[in-house]
Amino acid sequence: MVSAYLIASVVSAVGMIGFIGLAAATIVRQLGVRTLTWQLIASIILSALLLALTDLILQLITLLLSNKPADGRSHGTARHAVAALVDVPSAAA
């Protein structure tokens, strides 16, 4: 219960990107990386991969749910719904 409150307070204070950074650092430590230099490098890479993968999945969901052609513009179905849930600002279509 305490951990859920701490996670909620961190996400509300710094946003979802900060939470992904914290989660990536924890995952890197759990994978066995022990030196600080390699933890920083691995955390940066893992954070970028997590954000890119999440964005790619949401774009694919948007493409599959949309009847409009894939012209590279956000049509707002899945990406904006998830962004609203996690309080991430998004550009208007």
C-alpha atoms as a PDB file:
ATOM      1  CA  MET A   1       0.000   0.000   0.000  1.00  0.00           C
ATOM      2  CA  VAL A   2       2.811   2.390   0.853  1.00  0.00           C
ATOM      3  CA  SER A   3       4.612   1.635  -2.422  1.00  0.00           C
ATOM      4  CA  ALA A   4       1.453   2.368  -4.426  1.00  0.00           C
ATOM      5  CA  TYR A   5       1.115   5.724  -2.678  1.00  0.00           C
ATOM      6  CA  LEU A   6       4.775   6.560  -3.318  1.00  0.00           C
ATOM      7  CA  ILE A   7       4.472   5.655  -7.010  1.00  0.00           C
ATOM      8  CA  ALA A   8       1.290   7.706  -7.359  1.00  0.00           C
ATOM      9  CA  SER A   9       2.881  10.720  -5.701  1.00  0.00           C
ATOM     10  CA  VAL A  10       5.994  10.507  -7.908  1.00  0.00           C
ATOM     11  CA  VAL A  11       3.930  10.208 -11.099  1.00  0.00           C
ATOM     12  CA  SER A  12       1.689  13.105 -10.099  1.00  0.00           C
ATOM     13  CA  ALA A  13       4.695  15.287  -9.276  1.00  0.00           C
ATOM     14  CA  VAL A  14       7.015  14.592 -12.200  1.00  0.00           C
ATOM     15  CA  GLY A  15       4.776  12.999 -14.804  1.00  0.00           C
ATOM     16  CA  MET A  16       4.912   9.703 -16.643  1.00  0.00           C
ATOM     17  CA  ILE A  17       8.312  10.276 -18.250  1.00  0.00           C
ATOM     18  CA  GLY A  18       9.912  10.665 -14.832  1.00  0.00           C
ATOM     19  CA  PHE A  19       8.197   7.475 -13.716  1.00  0.00           C
ATOM     20  CA  ILE A  20       9.585   5.591 -16.727  1.00  0.00           C
ATOM     21  CA  GLY A  21      13.042   6.860 -15.791  1.00  0.00           C
ATOM     22  CA  LEU A  22      12.630   5.545 -12.247  1.00  0.00           C
ATOM     23  CA  ALA A  23      11.253   2.230 -13.460  1.00  0.00           C
ATOM     24  CA  ALA A  24      14.092   1.807 -15.972  1.00  0.00           C
ATOM     25  CA  ALA A  25      16.710   2.404 -13.287  1.00  0.00           C
ATOM     26  CA  THR A  26      15.078  -0.222 -11.070  1.00  0.00           C
ATOM     27  CA  ILE A  27      14.880  -2.721 -13.929  1.00  0.00           C
ATOM     28  CA  VAL A  28      18.564  -2.159 -14.727  1.00  0.00           C
ATOM     29  CA  ARG A  29      19.544  -2.833 -11.121  1.00  0.00           C
ATOM     30  CA  GLN A  30      17.389  -5.982 -11.099  1.00  0.00           C
ATOM     31  CA  LEU A  31      19.194  -7.173 -14.236  1.00  0.00           C
ATOM     32  CA  GLY A  32      22.438  -7.186 -12.273  1.00  0.00           C
ATOM     33  CA  VAL A  33      24.202  -4.013 -13.394  1.00  0.00           C
ATOM     34  CA  ARG A  34      26.111  -2.850 -10.330  1.00  0.00           C
ATOM     35  CA  THR A  35      28.534  -0.056 -11.266  1.00  0.00           C
ATOM     36  CA  LEU A  36      27.148   3.469 -11.333  1.00  0.00           C
ATOM     37  CA  THR A  37      28.505   4.294 -14.788  1.00  0.00           C
ATOM     38  CA  TRP A  38      26.880   1.273 -16.402  1.00  0.00           C
ATOM     39  CA  GLN A  39      23.666   1.812 -14.446  1.00  0.00           C
ATOM     40  CA  LEU A  40      23.388   5.331 -15.881  1.00  0.00           C
ATOM     41  CA  ILE A  41      24.156   4.202 -19.419  1.00  0.00           C
ATOM     42  CA  ALA A  42      21.798   1.226 -19.264  1.00  0.00           C
ATOM     43  CA  SER A  43      19.031   3.317 -17.641  1.00  0.00           C
ATOM     44  CA  ILE A  44      19.215   5.926 -20.397  1.00  0.00           C
ATOM     45  CA  ILE A  45      19.069   3.272 -23.111  1.00  0.00           C
ATOM     46  CA  LEU A  46      16.267   1.317 -21.434  1.00  0.00           C
ATOM     47  CA  SER A  47      14.220   4.483 -20.808  1.00  0.00           C
ATOM     48  CA  ALA A  48      14.496   5.457 -24.468  1.00  0.00           C
ATOM     49  CA  LEU A  49      13.533   1.961 -25.582  1.00  0.00           C
ATOM     50  CA  LEU A  50      10.525   1.826 -23.241  1.00  0.00           C
ATOM     51  CA  LEU A  51       9.226   5.203 -24.425  1.00  0.00           C
ATOM     52  CA  ALA A  52       9.813   4.375 -28.099  1.00  0.00           C
ATOM     53  CA  LEU A  53       8.148   0.971 -27.772  1.00  0.00           C
ATOM     54  CA  THR A  54       5.146   2.435 -25.970  1.00  0.00           C
ATOM     55  CA  ASP A  55       4.751   5.158 -28.588  1.00  0.00           C
ATOM     56  CA  LEU A  56       5.059   2.628 -31.424  1.00  0.00           C
ATOM     57  CA  ILE A  57       2.427   0.343 -29.901  1.00  0.00           C
ATOM     58  CA  LEU A  58       0.013   3.239 -29.381  1.00  0.00           C
ATOM     59  CA  GLN A  59       0.547   4.452 -32.958  1.00  0.00           C
ATOM     60  CA  LEU A  60      -0.184   0.952 -34.258  1.00  0.00           C
ATOM     61  CA  ILE A  61      -3.356   0.772 -32.156  1.00  0.00           C
ATOM     62  CA  THR A  62      -4.386   4.161 -33.529  1.00  0.00           C
ATOM     63  CA  LEU A  63      -3.743   2.989 -37.073  1.00  0.00           C
ATOM     64  CA  LEU A  64      -5.712  -0.207 -36.585  1.00  0.00           C
ATOM     65  CA  LEU A  65      -8.675   1.541 -34.957  1.00  0.00           C
ATOM     66  CA  SER A  66      -8.779   4.400 -37.425  1.00  0.00           C
ATOM     67  CA  ASN A  67     -10.470   4.250 -40.812  1.00  0.00           C
ATOM     68  CA  LYS A  68      -8.371   7.140 -42.059  1.00  0.00           C
ATOM     69  CA  PRO A  69      -5.199   6.626 -44.124  1.00  0.00           C
ATOM     70  CA  ALA A  70      -1.847   6.475 -42.351  1.00  0.00           C
ATOM     71  CA  ASP A  71      -0.593   9.954 -43.208  1.00  0.00           C
ATOM     72  CA  GLY A  72       1.614  10.308 -40.140  1.00  0.00           C
ATOM     73  CA  ARG A  73      -0.798  12.539 -38.233  1.00  0.00           C
ATOM     74  CA  SER A  74      -2.257  11.546 -34.922  1.00  0.00           C
ATOM     75  CA  HIS A  75      -5.968  10.835 -35.189  1.00  0.00           C
ATOM     76  CA  GLY A  76      -6.420  10.854 -31.468  1.00  0.00           C
ATOM     77  CA  THR A  77      -8.020   7.549 -30.617  1.00  0.00           C
ATOM     78  CA  ALA A  78      -5.565   5.520 -28.556  1.00  0.00           C
ATOM     79  CA  ARG A  79      -2.625   7.892 -28.114  1.00  0.00           C
ATOM     80  CA  HIS A  80      -4.679  10.744 -26.710  1.00  0.00           C
ATOM     81  CA  ALA A  81      -6.747   8.455 -24.504  1.00  0.00           C
ATOM     82  CA  VAL A  82      -3.654   6.938 -22.923  1.00  0.00           C
ATOM     83  CA  ALA A  83      -1.987  10.347 -22.696  1.00  0.00           C
ATOM     84  CA  ALA A  84      -5.034  11.671 -20.862  1.00  0.00           C
ATOM     85  CA  LEU A  85      -4.953   8.742 -18.461  1.00  0.00           C
ATOM     86  CA  VAL A  86      -1.299   9.277 -17.571  1.00  0.00           C
ATOM     87  CA  ASP A  87      -1.485  13.093 -17.708  1.00  0.00           C
ATOM     88  CA  VAL A  88       0.981  13.548 -20.568  1.00  0.00           C
ATOM     89  CA  PRO A  89       0.466  16.688 -22.672  1.00  0.00           C
ATOM     90  CA  SER A  90      -0.129  15.879 -26.321  1.00  0.00           C
ATOM     91  CA  ALA A  91      -0.318  17.996 -29.435  1.00  0.00           C
ATOM     92  CA  ALA A  92      -3.679  18.524 -31.069  1.00  0.00           C
ATOM     93  CA  ALA A  93      -4.243  16.700 -34.336  1.00  0.00           C
END
